[in-house]
Amino acid sequence: MGWIGKVVGGIVGLAAGPLGAALGVLVGHSYDVAADQRANQTPNGDFQGFFFDTAFAVMGFVAKSDGRVSESEIAAARSIMQGFHFDEAHVVRAISAFNRGKQASYPVDADIVRLVRICAPRPDLLALFLEIQMRAVLAGEGLDGGRRRLIVEIGRRMGFADAQIEGLEALLRQQTGSRAGSAAPSRTMGIQPAYGVLGISVSASDADVKKAYRRLMSENHPDKLVARGLPESMQDLAKEKTQRIREAYDVIAEHRGIR
């Protein structure tokens, strides 16, 4: 059953008070019913193109979820495009997808349902997708209020626990800084974010730490991710993630004295 329409409808409706929120949820419910029907359709084109287009369309949707897209949100989207070192054709395509996501008719729920279904055996791609969205929000207006609720709901829909979503946020704040945080970007990963990167708890055994590290390094190898469907234009993000996994292991190993 759809859910994004109700979340956004409630958020927008809150501006008009409790009654407005209730009406927003009702309108959003109608949107979700239609989105559920669209989700049963097979996405057109290859998966890499679908992943690429959906990443920037959802980015545009989240930016517009509070009713308007600010200059900082547009700048954040362009910054992410630059970070991927897109050529001119990919930039044009990304901008087109972002603008499509801003439209009221954009079937965001259906696209995310499709993405989750297609990536069922590839949760590593979903993790990268969620990271792209969170990076954009943190670099734009900040991850608070309605935008936070929306990102959390998207993460939950993709199968991530709240602790994993919070861990990703903490890590990205530490690495890049954000409008919502006053601390300067850090080059050193903290111990708590390190455990979050490896997806393990502080109570995990040394053997479990090593097992998680080896599994993640294997699953997130850039060549494997591209073979599984990640657009080659986004390969730099995959390389950065493997570096982050390696750094997380080094931090934990040093903290525990693992050899």
C-alpha atoms as a PDB file:
ATOM      1  CA  MET A   1       0.000   0.000   0.000  1.00  0.00           C
ATOM      2  CA  GLY A   2       1.275   3.489  -0.847  1.00  0.00           C
ATOM      3  CA  TRP A   3       2.467   5.876   1.827  1.00  0.00           C
ATOM      4  CA  ILE A   4       4.439   8.803   0.390  1.00  0.00           C
ATOM      5  CA  GLY A   5       1.339  10.668  -0.755  1.00  0.00           C
ATOM      6  CA  LYS A   6      -0.104  10.569   2.760  1.00  0.00           C
ATOM      7  CA  VAL A   7       3.189  11.714   4.308  1.00  0.00           C
ATOM      8  CA  VAL A   8       3.560  14.664   1.964  1.00  0.00           C
ATOM      9  CA  GLY A   9      -0.141  15.467   2.102  1.00  0.00           C
ATOM     10  CA  GLY A  10       0.010  15.616   5.884  1.00  0.00           C
ATOM     11  CA  ILE A  11       3.162  17.740   5.893  1.00  0.00           C
ATOM     12  CA  VAL A  12       1.778  20.287   3.444  1.00  0.00           C
ATOM     13  CA  GLY A  13      -1.626  20.275   5.144  1.00  0.00           C
ATOM     14  CA  LEU A  14      -0.097  21.132   8.520  1.00  0.00           C
ATOM     15  CA  ALA A  15       0.423  24.650   7.233  1.00  0.00           C
ATOM     16  CA  ALA A  16      -3.368  25.028   7.354  1.00  0.00           C
ATOM     17  CA  GLY A  17      -3.747  23.507  10.825  1.00  0.00           C
ATOM     18  CA  PRO A  18      -5.136  20.120  11.954  1.00  0.00           C
ATOM     19  CA  LEU A  19      -8.046  20.196   9.496  1.00  0.00           C
ATOM     20  CA  GLY A  20      -5.678  20.980   6.658  1.00  0.00           C
ATOM     21  CA  ALA A  21      -3.470  18.088   7.674  1.00  0.00           C
ATOM     22  CA  ALA A  22      -6.429  15.715   7.679  1.00  0.00           C
ATOM     23  CA  LEU A  23      -7.503  16.870   4.226  1.00  0.00           C
ATOM     24  CA  GLY A  24      -3.930  16.547   3.030  1.00  0.00           C
ATOM     25  CA  VAL A  25      -3.822  12.934   4.174  1.00  0.00           C
ATOM     26  CA  LEU A  26      -7.100  12.185   2.376  1.00  0.00           C
ATOM     27  CA  VAL A  27      -5.810  13.712  -0.842  1.00  0.00           C
ATOM     28  CA  GLY A  28      -2.526  11.865  -0.406  1.00  0.00           C
ATOM     29  CA  HIS A  29      -4.399   8.584   0.058  1.00  0.00           C
ATOM     30  CA  SER A  30      -6.046   9.009  -3.335  1.00  0.00           C
ATOM     31  CA  TYR A  31      -2.609   9.633  -4.813  1.00  0.00           C
ATOM     32  CA  ASP A  32      -1.250   6.474  -3.190  1.00  0.00           C
ATOM     33  CA  VAL A  33      -4.034   4.293  -4.572  1.00  0.00           C
ATOM     34  CA  ALA A  34      -3.188   5.431  -8.090  1.00  0.00           C
ATOM     35  CA  ALA A  35       0.528   4.981  -7.384  1.00  0.00           C
ATOM     36  CA  ASP A  36      -0.028   1.383  -6.261  1.00  0.00           C
ATOM     37  CA  GLN A  37      -1.617   0.631  -9.605  1.00  0.00           C
ATOM     38  CA  ARG A  38       1.297   2.226 -11.482  1.00  0.00           C
ATOM     39  CA  ALA A  39       3.808   0.249  -9.403  1.00  0.00           C
ATOM     40  CA  ASN A  40       2.625  -2.990 -10.968  1.00  0.00           C
ATOM     41  CA  GLN A  41       3.833  -1.825 -14.371  1.00  0.00           C
ATOM     42  CA  THR A  42       7.296  -2.743 -15.585  1.00  0.00           C
ATOM     43  CA  PRO A  43       9.666   0.264 -15.782  1.00  0.00           C
ATOM     44  CA  ASN A  44      10.682   1.235 -19.291  1.00  0.00           C
ATOM     45  CA  GLY A  45      14.268   1.051 -20.473  1.00  0.00           C
ATOM     46  CA  ASP A  46      17.275  -0.505 -18.814  1.00  0.00           C
ATOM     47  CA  PHE A  47      17.743  -0.600 -15.061  1.00  0.00           C
ATOM     48  CA  GLN A  48      20.744   1.725 -15.049  1.00  0.00           C
ATOM     49  CA  GLY A  49      18.697   4.435 -16.755  1.00  0.00           C
ATOM     50  CA  PHE A  50      15.801   3.834 -14.369  1.00  0.00           C
ATOM     51  CA  PHE A  51      18.088   4.079 -11.331  1.00  0.00           C
ATOM     52  CA  PHE A  52      19.671   7.283 -12.642  1.00  0.00           C
ATOM     53  CA  ASP A  53      16.379   8.969 -13.508  1.00  0.00           C
ATOM     54  CA  THR A  54      14.679   7.925 -10.266  1.00  0.00           C
ATOM     55  CA  ALA A  55      17.586   9.167  -8.133  1.00  0.00           C
ATOM     56  CA  PHE A  56      17.244  12.705  -9.467  1.00  0.00           C
ATOM     57  CA  ALA A  57      13.467  12.665  -9.787  1.00  0.00           C
ATOM     58  CA  VAL A  58      13.074  11.684  -6.121  1.00  0.00           C
ATOM     59  CA  MET A  59      15.629  14.378  -5.277  1.00  0.00           C
ATOM     60  CA  GLY A  60      13.392  16.920  -6.993  1.00  0.00           C
ATOM     61  CA  PHE A  61      10.315  15.498  -5.278  1.00  0.00           C
ATOM     62  CA  VAL A  62      11.854  15.801  -1.820  1.00  0.00           C
ATOM     63  CA  ALA A  63      13.029  19.351  -2.561  1.00  0.00           C
ATOM     64  CA  LYS A  64       9.482  20.342  -3.601  1.00  0.00           C
ATOM     65  CA  SER A  65       7.768  18.474  -0.747  1.00  0.00           C
ATOM     66  CA  ASP A  66       7.423  21.645   1.345  1.00  0.00           C
ATOM     67  CA  GLY A  67       5.829  23.525  -1.538  1.00  0.00           C
ATOM     68  CA  ARG A  68       8.825  25.254  -3.088  1.00  0.00           C
ATOM     69  CA  VAL A  69      12.361  24.525  -4.262  1.00  0.00           C
ATOM     70  CA  SER A  70      14.959  26.926  -2.852  1.00  0.00           C
ATOM     71  CA  GLU A  71      18.118  28.139  -4.511  1.00  0.00           C
ATOM     72  CA  SER A  72      20.175  26.137  -2.012  1.00  0.00           C
ATOM     73  CA  GLU A  73      18.347  22.930  -3.002  1.00  0.00           C
ATOM     74  CA  ILE A  74      18.995  23.587  -6.687  1.00  0.00           C
ATOM     75  CA  ALA A  75      22.655  24.302  -5.880  1.00  0.00           C
ATOM     76  CA  ALA A  76      22.840  21.055  -3.869  1.00  0.00           C
ATOM     77  CA  ALA A  77      21.494  19.037  -6.797  1.00  0.00           C
ATOM     78  CA  ARG A  78      23.997  20.644  -9.163  1.00  0.00           C
ATOM     79  CA  SER A  79      26.784  20.006  -6.669  1.00  0.00           C
ATOM     80  CA  ILE A  80      25.952  16.307  -6.630  1.00  0.00           C
ATOM     81  CA  MET A  81      25.967  16.246 -10.428  1.00  0.00           C
ATOM     82  CA  GLN A  82      29.401  17.875 -10.384  1.00  0.00           C
ATOM     83  CA  GLY A  83      30.581  15.389  -7.780  1.00  0.00           C
ATOM     84  CA  PHE A  84      29.671  12.564 -10.147  1.00  0.00           C
ATOM     85  CA  HIS A  85      31.653  14.266 -12.939  1.00  0.00           C
ATOM     86  CA  PHE A  86      28.736  13.957 -15.345  1.00  0.00           C
ATOM     87  CA  ASP A  87      29.250  14.826 -18.975  1.00  0.00           C
ATOM     88  CA  GLU A  88      26.893  17.354 -20.567  1.00  0.00           C
ATOM     89  CA  ALA A  89      24.393  14.717 -21.686  1.00  0.00           C
ATOM     90  CA  HIS A  90      24.088  13.261 -18.175  1.00  0.00           C
ATOM     91  CA  VAL A  91      23.725  16.726 -16.654  1.00  0.00           C
ATOM     92  CA  VAL A  92      20.851  17.504 -19.016  1.00  0.00           C
ATOM     93  CA  ARG A  93      19.225  14.169 -18.192  1.00  0.00           C
ATOM     94  CA  ALA A  94      19.642  14.675 -14.441  1.00  0.00           C
ATOM     95  CA  ILE A  95      18.124  18.180 -14.590  1.00  0.00           C
ATOM     96  CA  SER A  96      15.207  16.865 -16.617  1.00  0.00           C
ATOM     97  CA  ALA A  97      14.568  14.102 -14.044  1.00  0.00           C
ATOM     98  CA  PHE A  98      14.871  16.587 -11.150  1.00  0.00           C
ATOM     99  CA  ASN A  99      12.311  18.900 -12.777  1.00  0.00           C
ATOM    100  CA  ARG A 100       9.985  15.972 -13.445  1.00  0.00           C
ATOM    101  CA  GLY A 101      10.149  15.038  -9.780  1.00  0.00           C
ATOM    102  CA  LYS A 102       8.960  18.530  -8.839  1.00  0.00           C
ATOM    103  CA  GLN A 103       5.699  18.057 -10.730  1.00  0.00           C
ATOM    104  CA  ALA A 104       2.559  17.158  -8.807  1.00  0.00           C
ATOM    105  CA  SER A 105       1.945  14.328 -11.263  1.00  0.00           C
ATOM    106  CA  TYR A 106       5.274  12.593 -10.556  1.00  0.00           C
ATOM    107  CA  PRO A 107       4.527   8.977  -9.447  1.00  0.00           C
ATOM    108  CA  VAL A 108       7.129   8.917  -6.672  1.00  0.00           C
ATOM    109  CA  ASP A 109       5.552   6.086  -4.728  1.00  0.00           C
ATOM    110  CA  ALA A 110       5.309   3.872  -7.789  1.00  0.00           C
ATOM    111  CA  ASP A 111       8.920   4.517  -8.778  1.00  0.00           C
ATOM    112  CA  ILE A 112      10.226   3.690  -5.301  1.00  0.00           C
ATOM    113  CA  VAL A 113       8.138   0.523  -5.151  1.00  0.00           C
ATOM    114  CA  ARG A 114       9.602  -0.499  -8.516  1.00  0.00           C
ATOM    115  CA  LEU A 115      13.115   0.301  -7.347  1.00  0.00           C
ATOM    116  CA  VAL A 116      12.705  -1.749  -4.171  1.00  0.00           C
ATOM    117  CA  ARG A 117      11.274  -4.658  -6.123  1.00  0.00           C
ATOM    118  CA  ILE A 118      14.051  -4.650  -8.709  1.00  0.00           C
ATOM    119  CA  CYS A 119      16.779  -4.186  -6.065  1.00  0.00           C
ATOM    120  CA  ALA A 120      15.423  -6.864  -3.732  1.00  0.00           C
ATOM    121  CA  PRO A 121      18.564  -9.008  -4.218  1.00  0.00           C
ATOM    122  CA  ARG A 122      20.790  -5.888  -4.305  1.00  0.00           C
ATOM    123  CA  PRO A 123      20.303  -3.890  -1.079  1.00  0.00           C
ATOM    124  CA  ASP A 124      23.710  -2.292  -1.640  1.00  0.00           C
ATOM    125  CA  LEU A 125      22.208  -0.309  -4.525  1.00  0.00           C
ATOM    126  CA  LEU A 126      19.318   0.821  -2.334  1.00  0.00           C
ATOM    127  CA  ALA A 127      21.841   1.992   0.267  1.00  0.00           C
ATOM    128  CA  LEU A 128      23.587   4.099  -2.359  1.00  0.00           C
ATOM    129  CA  PHE A 129      20.252   5.490  -3.522  1.00  0.00           C
ATOM    130  CA  LEU A 130      19.324   6.544   0.015  1.00  0.00           C
ATOM    131  CA  GLU A 131      22.761   8.102   0.483  1.00  0.00           C
ATOM    132  CA  ILE A 132      22.314  10.208  -2.658  1.00  0.00           C
ATOM    133  CA  GLN A 133      18.999  11.532  -1.335  1.00  0.00           C
ATOM    134  CA  MET A 134      20.397  12.301   2.100  1.00  0.00           C
ATOM    135  CA  ARG A 135      23.444  14.042   0.667  1.00  0.00           C
ATOM    136  CA  ALA A 136      21.182  16.308  -1.386  1.00  0.00           C
ATOM    137  CA  VAL A 137      18.980  17.221   1.578  1.00  0.00           C
ATOM    138  CA  LEU A 138      21.909  17.889   3.911  1.00  0.00           C
ATOM    139  CA  ALA A 139      23.583  20.091   1.300  1.00  0.00           C
ATOM    140  CA  GLY A 140      20.337  21.940   0.617  1.00  0.00           C
ATOM    141  CA  GLU A 141      17.867  23.106   3.236  1.00  0.00           C
ATOM    142  CA  GLY A 142      18.954  20.606   5.887  1.00  0.00           C
ATOM    143  CA  LEU A 143      17.494  17.385   7.215  1.00  0.00           C
ATOM    144  CA  ASP A 144      14.786  18.574   9.558  1.00  0.00           C
ATOM    145  CA  GLY A 145      11.006  18.839   9.788  1.00  0.00           C
ATOM    146  CA  GLY A 146       9.071  17.408   6.878  1.00  0.00           C
ATOM    147  CA  ARG A 147      12.183  16.580   4.879  1.00  0.00           C
ATOM    148  CA  ARG A 148      13.487  14.400   7.703  1.00  0.00           C
ATOM    149  CA  ARG A 149      10.199  12.531   7.977  1.00  0.00           C
ATOM    150  CA  LEU A 150      10.149  11.961   4.241  1.00  0.00           C
ATOM    151  CA  ILE A 151      13.734  10.673   4.043  1.00  0.00           C
ATOM    152  CA  VAL A 152      13.130   8.374   7.022  1.00  0.00           C
ATOM    153  CA  GLU A 153       9.974   6.994   5.403  1.00  0.00           C
ATOM    154  CA  ILE A 154      11.820   6.399   2.135  1.00  0.00           C
ATOM    155  CA  GLY A 155      14.589   4.601   4.041  1.00  0.00           C
ATOM    156  CA  ARG A 156      12.098   2.467   5.942  1.00  0.00           C
ATOM    157  CA  ARG A 157      10.301   1.586   2.726  1.00  0.00           C
ATOM    158  CA  MET A 158      13.620   0.386   1.333  1.00  0.00           C
ATOM    159  CA  GLY A 159      14.061  -1.912   4.310  1.00  0.00           C
ATOM    160  CA  PHE A 160      16.492   0.103   6.424  1.00  0.00           C
ATOM    161  CA  ALA A 161      16.150   0.272  10.193  1.00  0.00           C
ATOM    162  CA  ASP A 162      15.971   3.692  11.840  1.00  0.00           C
ATOM    163  CA  ALA A 163      19.383   3.064  13.413  1.00  0.00           C
ATOM    164  CA  GLN A 164      20.898   2.544   9.965  1.00  0.00           C
ATOM    165  CA  ILE A 165      19.315   5.753   8.663  1.00  0.00           C
ATOM    166  CA  GLU A 166      20.527   7.696  11.697  1.00  0.00           C
ATOM    167  CA  GLY A 167      23.994   6.182  11.312  1.00  0.00           C
ATOM    168  CA  LEU A 168      24.173   7.295   7.680  1.00  0.00           C
ATOM    169  CA  GLU A 169      23.097  10.802   8.657  1.00  0.00           C
ATOM    170  CA  ALA A 170      25.705  11.002  11.415  1.00  0.00           C
ATOM    171  CA  LEU A 171      28.415   9.821   9.059  1.00  0.00           C
ATOM    172  CA  LEU A 172      27.514  12.277   6.280  1.00  0.00           C
ATOM    173  CA  ARG A 173      27.327  15.147   8.742  1.00  0.00           C
ATOM    174  CA  GLN A 174      30.749  14.253  10.066  1.00  0.00           C
ATOM    175  CA  GLN A 175      32.250  13.918   6.591  1.00  0.00           C
ATOM    176  CA  THR A 176      30.747  16.901   4.821  1.00  0.00           C
ATOM    177  CA  GLY A 177      29.059  19.115   7.399  1.00  0.00           C
ATOM    178  CA  SER A 178      25.560  20.490   6.764  1.00  0.00           C
ATOM    179  CA  ARG A 179      23.365  23.508   7.287  1.00  0.00           C
ATOM    180  CA  ALA A 180      21.870  21.792  10.320  1.00  0.00           C
ATOM    181  CA  GLY A 181      25.266  21.185  11.961  1.00  0.00           C
ATOM    182  CA  SER A 182      27.804  23.770  13.008  1.00  0.00           C
ATOM    183  CA  ALA A 183      30.812  21.486  13.216  1.00  0.00           C
ATOM    184  CA  ALA A 184      33.422  21.680  10.483  1.00  0.00           C
ATOM    185  CA  PRO A 185      33.848  18.660   8.209  1.00  0.00           C
ATOM    186  CA  SER A 186      35.976  15.970   9.781  1.00  0.00           C
ATOM    187  CA  ARG A 187      38.571  13.796   8.111  1.00  0.00           C
ATOM    188  CA  THR A 188      38.432  11.151  10.846  1.00  0.00           C
ATOM    189  CA  MET A 189      35.497   8.784  11.305  1.00  0.00           C
ATOM    190  CA  GLY A 190      34.143   8.414  14.837  1.00  0.00           C
ATOM    191  CA  ILE A 191      33.738   5.028  16.458  1.00  0.00           C
ATOM    192  CA  GLN A 192      29.917   5.071  16.472  1.00  0.00           C
ATOM    193  CA  PRO A 193      29.588   5.980  12.767  1.00  0.00           C
ATOM    194  CA  ALA A 194      32.180   3.300  12.016  1.00  0.00           C
ATOM    195  CA  TYR A 195      29.949   0.615  13.512  1.00  0.00           C
ATOM    196  CA  GLY A 196      27.055   2.064  11.519  1.00  0.00           C
ATOM    197  CA  VAL A 197      29.005   1.820   8.262  1.00  0.00           C
ATOM    198  CA  LEU A 198      29.687  -1.877   8.870  1.00  0.00           C
ATOM    199  CA  GLY A 199      26.079  -2.426   9.971  1.00  0.00           C
ATOM    200  CA  ILE A 200      27.024  -4.042  13.272  1.00  0.00           C
ATOM    201  CA  SER A 201      26.538  -3.227  16.929  1.00  0.00           C
ATOM    202  CA  VAL A 202      29.250  -2.291  19.413  1.00  0.00           C
ATOM    203  CA  SER A 203      28.669  -5.676  21.062  1.00  0.00           C
ATOM    204  CA  ALA A 204      29.657  -7.611  17.919  1.00  0.00           C
ATOM    205  CA  SER A 205      32.588 -10.000  18.299  1.00  0.00           C
ATOM    206  CA  ASP A 206      35.908  -9.383  16.589  1.00  0.00           C
ATOM    207  CA  ALA A 207      35.096 -12.253  14.245  1.00  0.00           C
ATOM    208  CA  ASP A 208      31.782 -10.593  13.316  1.00  0.00           C
ATOM    209  CA  VAL A 209      33.589  -7.305  12.667  1.00  0.00           C
ATOM    210  CA  LYS A 210      35.957  -9.013  10.237  1.00  0.00           C
ATOM    211  CA  LYS A 211      33.107 -10.929   8.593  1.00  0.00           C
ATOM    212  CA  ALA A 212      31.039  -7.763   8.084  1.00  0.00           C
ATOM    213  CA  TYR A 213      34.028  -5.937   6.634  1.00  0.00           C
ATOM    214  CA  ARG A 214      34.867  -8.675   4.136  1.00  0.00           C
ATOM    215  CA  ARG A 215      31.232  -9.071   3.078  1.00  0.00           C
ATOM    216  CA  LEU A 216      30.716  -5.341   2.516  1.00  0.00           C
ATOM    217  CA  MET A 217      33.970  -4.952   0.620  1.00  0.00           C
ATOM    218  CA  SER A 218      32.922  -7.795  -1.666  1.00  0.00           C
ATOM    219  CA  GLU A 219      29.358  -6.557  -2.163  1.00  0.00           C
ATOM    220  CA  ASN A 220      30.320  -2.925  -2.742  1.00  0.00           C
ATOM    221  CA  HIS A 221      33.211  -3.342  -5.147  1.00  0.00           C
ATOM    222  CA  PRO A 222      32.590  -0.654  -7.813  1.00  0.00           C
ATOM    223  CA  ASP A 223      32.843  -3.152 -10.689  1.00  0.00           C
ATOM    224  CA  LYS A 224      30.280  -5.421  -9.045  1.00  0.00           C
ATOM    225  CA  LEU A 225      27.888  -2.550  -8.398  1.00  0.00           C
ATOM    226  CA  VAL A 226      28.071  -1.418 -12.004  1.00  0.00           C
ATOM    227  CA  ALA A 227      27.507  -5.011 -13.143  1.00  0.00           C
ATOM    228  CA  ARG A 228      24.446  -5.156 -10.885  1.00  0.00           C
ATOM    229  CA  GLY A 229      22.949  -2.016 -12.363  1.00  0.00           C
ATOM    230  CA  LEU A 230      24.591   1.069 -10.879  1.00  0.00           C
ATOM    231  CA  PRO A 231      25.091   3.629 -13.669  1.00  0.00           C
ATOM    232  CA  GLU A 232      28.764   3.932 -14.570  1.00  0.00           C
ATOM    233  CA  SER A 233      28.437   7.704 -14.200  1.00  0.00           C
ATOM    234  CA  MET A 234      27.870   7.110 -10.464  1.00  0.00           C
ATOM    235  CA  GLN A 235      30.860   4.810 -10.010  1.00  0.00           C
ATOM    236  CA  ASP A 236      32.771   7.423  -8.025  1.00  0.00           C
ATOM    237  CA  LEU A 237      30.190   7.146  -5.240  1.00  0.00           C
ATOM    238  CA  ALA A 238      30.775   3.392  -5.105  1.00  0.00           C
ATOM    239  CA  LYS A 239      34.532   3.948  -4.857  1.00  0.00           C
ATOM    240  CA  GLU A 240      33.975   6.427  -2.044  1.00  0.00           C
ATOM    241  CA  LYS A 241      31.810   3.910  -0.230  1.00  0.00           C
ATOM    242  CA  THR A 242      34.471   1.190  -0.337  1.00  0.00           C
ATOM    243  CA  GLN A 243      36.975   3.709   1.034  1.00  0.00           C
ATOM    244  CA  ARG A 244      34.515   4.486   3.824  1.00  0.00           C
ATOM    245  CA  ILE A 245      34.065   0.786   4.627  1.00  0.00           C
ATOM    246  CA  ARG A 246      37.838   0.352   4.802  1.00  0.00           C
ATOM    247  CA  GLU A 247      38.171   3.420   7.032  1.00  0.00           C
ATOM    248  CA  ALA A 248      35.400   2.161   9.330  1.00  0.00           C
ATOM    249  CA  TYR A 249      37.148  -1.174   9.748  1.00  0.00           C
ATOM    250  CA  ASP A 250      40.472   0.535  10.459  1.00  0.00           C
ATOM    251  CA  VAL A 251      38.851   2.745  13.132  1.00  0.00           C
ATOM    252  CA  ILE A 252      37.198  -0.238  14.852  1.00  0.00           C
ATOM    253  CA  ALA A 253      40.292  -2.419  14.530  1.00  0.00           C
ATOM    254  CA  GLU A 254      42.456   0.257  16.113  1.00  0.00           C
ATOM    255  CA  HIS A 255      39.917   0.839  18.881  1.00  0.00           C
ATOM    256  CA  ARG A 256      39.729  -2.894  19.675  1.00  0.00           C
ATOM    257  CA  GLY A 257      43.340  -3.771  18.979  1.00  0.00           C
ATOM    258  CA  ILE A 258      42.371  -6.191  16.197  1.00  0.00           C
ATOM    259  CA  ARG A 259      45.309  -7.422  14.172  1.00  0.00           C
END
